[in-house]
Amino acid sequence: EQGAEGPAAPPAPGARKDPLSRKADMLVRFLLERHASKEPITRAALLKIVSRKYEAHWAEILRRTSERLQLLFGLELREGDAGGRAYELVSKPGLEGDGGDKGPPKSGLVMALLGVIFMKGNRASEEEVWEFLNVLGVYAGRRHPIFGEPRKFITQDLVRQKYLEYRHVPGSKPQRYEFLWGPRARAHTSKMEVLQVLAKINDTVPSCFPQLYQEALLEEAARESSTDAATEASAGEAAGGPSGAGEPSRARVGRGRPI
């Protein structure tokens, strides 16, 4: 499989971001802390973090902050009063998910984790994963208001639900571990979908990451081809009937090609 180590690969989420995105990440961490402690969120406190230097970009920083909160944590940032002097975080229905049988948890954080793995050549070291999470204010051993204890959530819960694989790197001394996509992630999502999440985190579009975008397109084409083949085979069986007397009809389904 094509890796993501060449010059066209994207930066790790959170790495080499522009100043406005870095300020947005700072606000996300602050807002999550206030959300967990149930302390009031004031515009003045947020502007203090933004600093006077970037105050002119307040609207754009707040937009990026709000987008990250919804995308990664299923939280909506709302004005708490008519004058916009205070804010509140509200869980947005349908975004947090429960990791049931219908697909991956809808939290974009899980999709972003899958994206980090994809970006790192379809396997990411434990250090790389935590580097990404730390940028978002998610730390091992520090309880998170959305995910609980992050290490347990990632190395146990998502592994048990088969969205991630967490395994020892053979021959590593001292022992090191890595993450891969689990079977349910492979079944219920695609590289293009997780690339779209990565692109949003980096404030860009999927096609700006040529290597990953090409790999995602190849996977999409392979899936479509597999689906078309299965559909033709199913149609052929239906035309042939249980007696097997419809062999000529089955051939016609394939536009003249034997199937």
Foldseek 3Di string as FASTA:
>chain_A
DDAQPDPLFDDQQLPPADLLLLLLLVVLLVQQVCQVVVHWAFPVVSDVSCDPVCPVVVVVSVVLNQVCCCQAFQWGWAQPDPVSGTIDIDRHPPQQADLDPQAGGNHNNLLLLQLQCRNRGQKFWPVSSQVNVVSNVQHAPDQGPRQGRVVCSPQPVCVVSFQKDWDWDPPDVVITIMIGGGPRVVVHHALQVSLQSSQSSRVHGSVSSPVSSVVRVVVVVVVVVVVVVVVLQVVLDVQCPPVNNRLVSSCVSVVNHHD
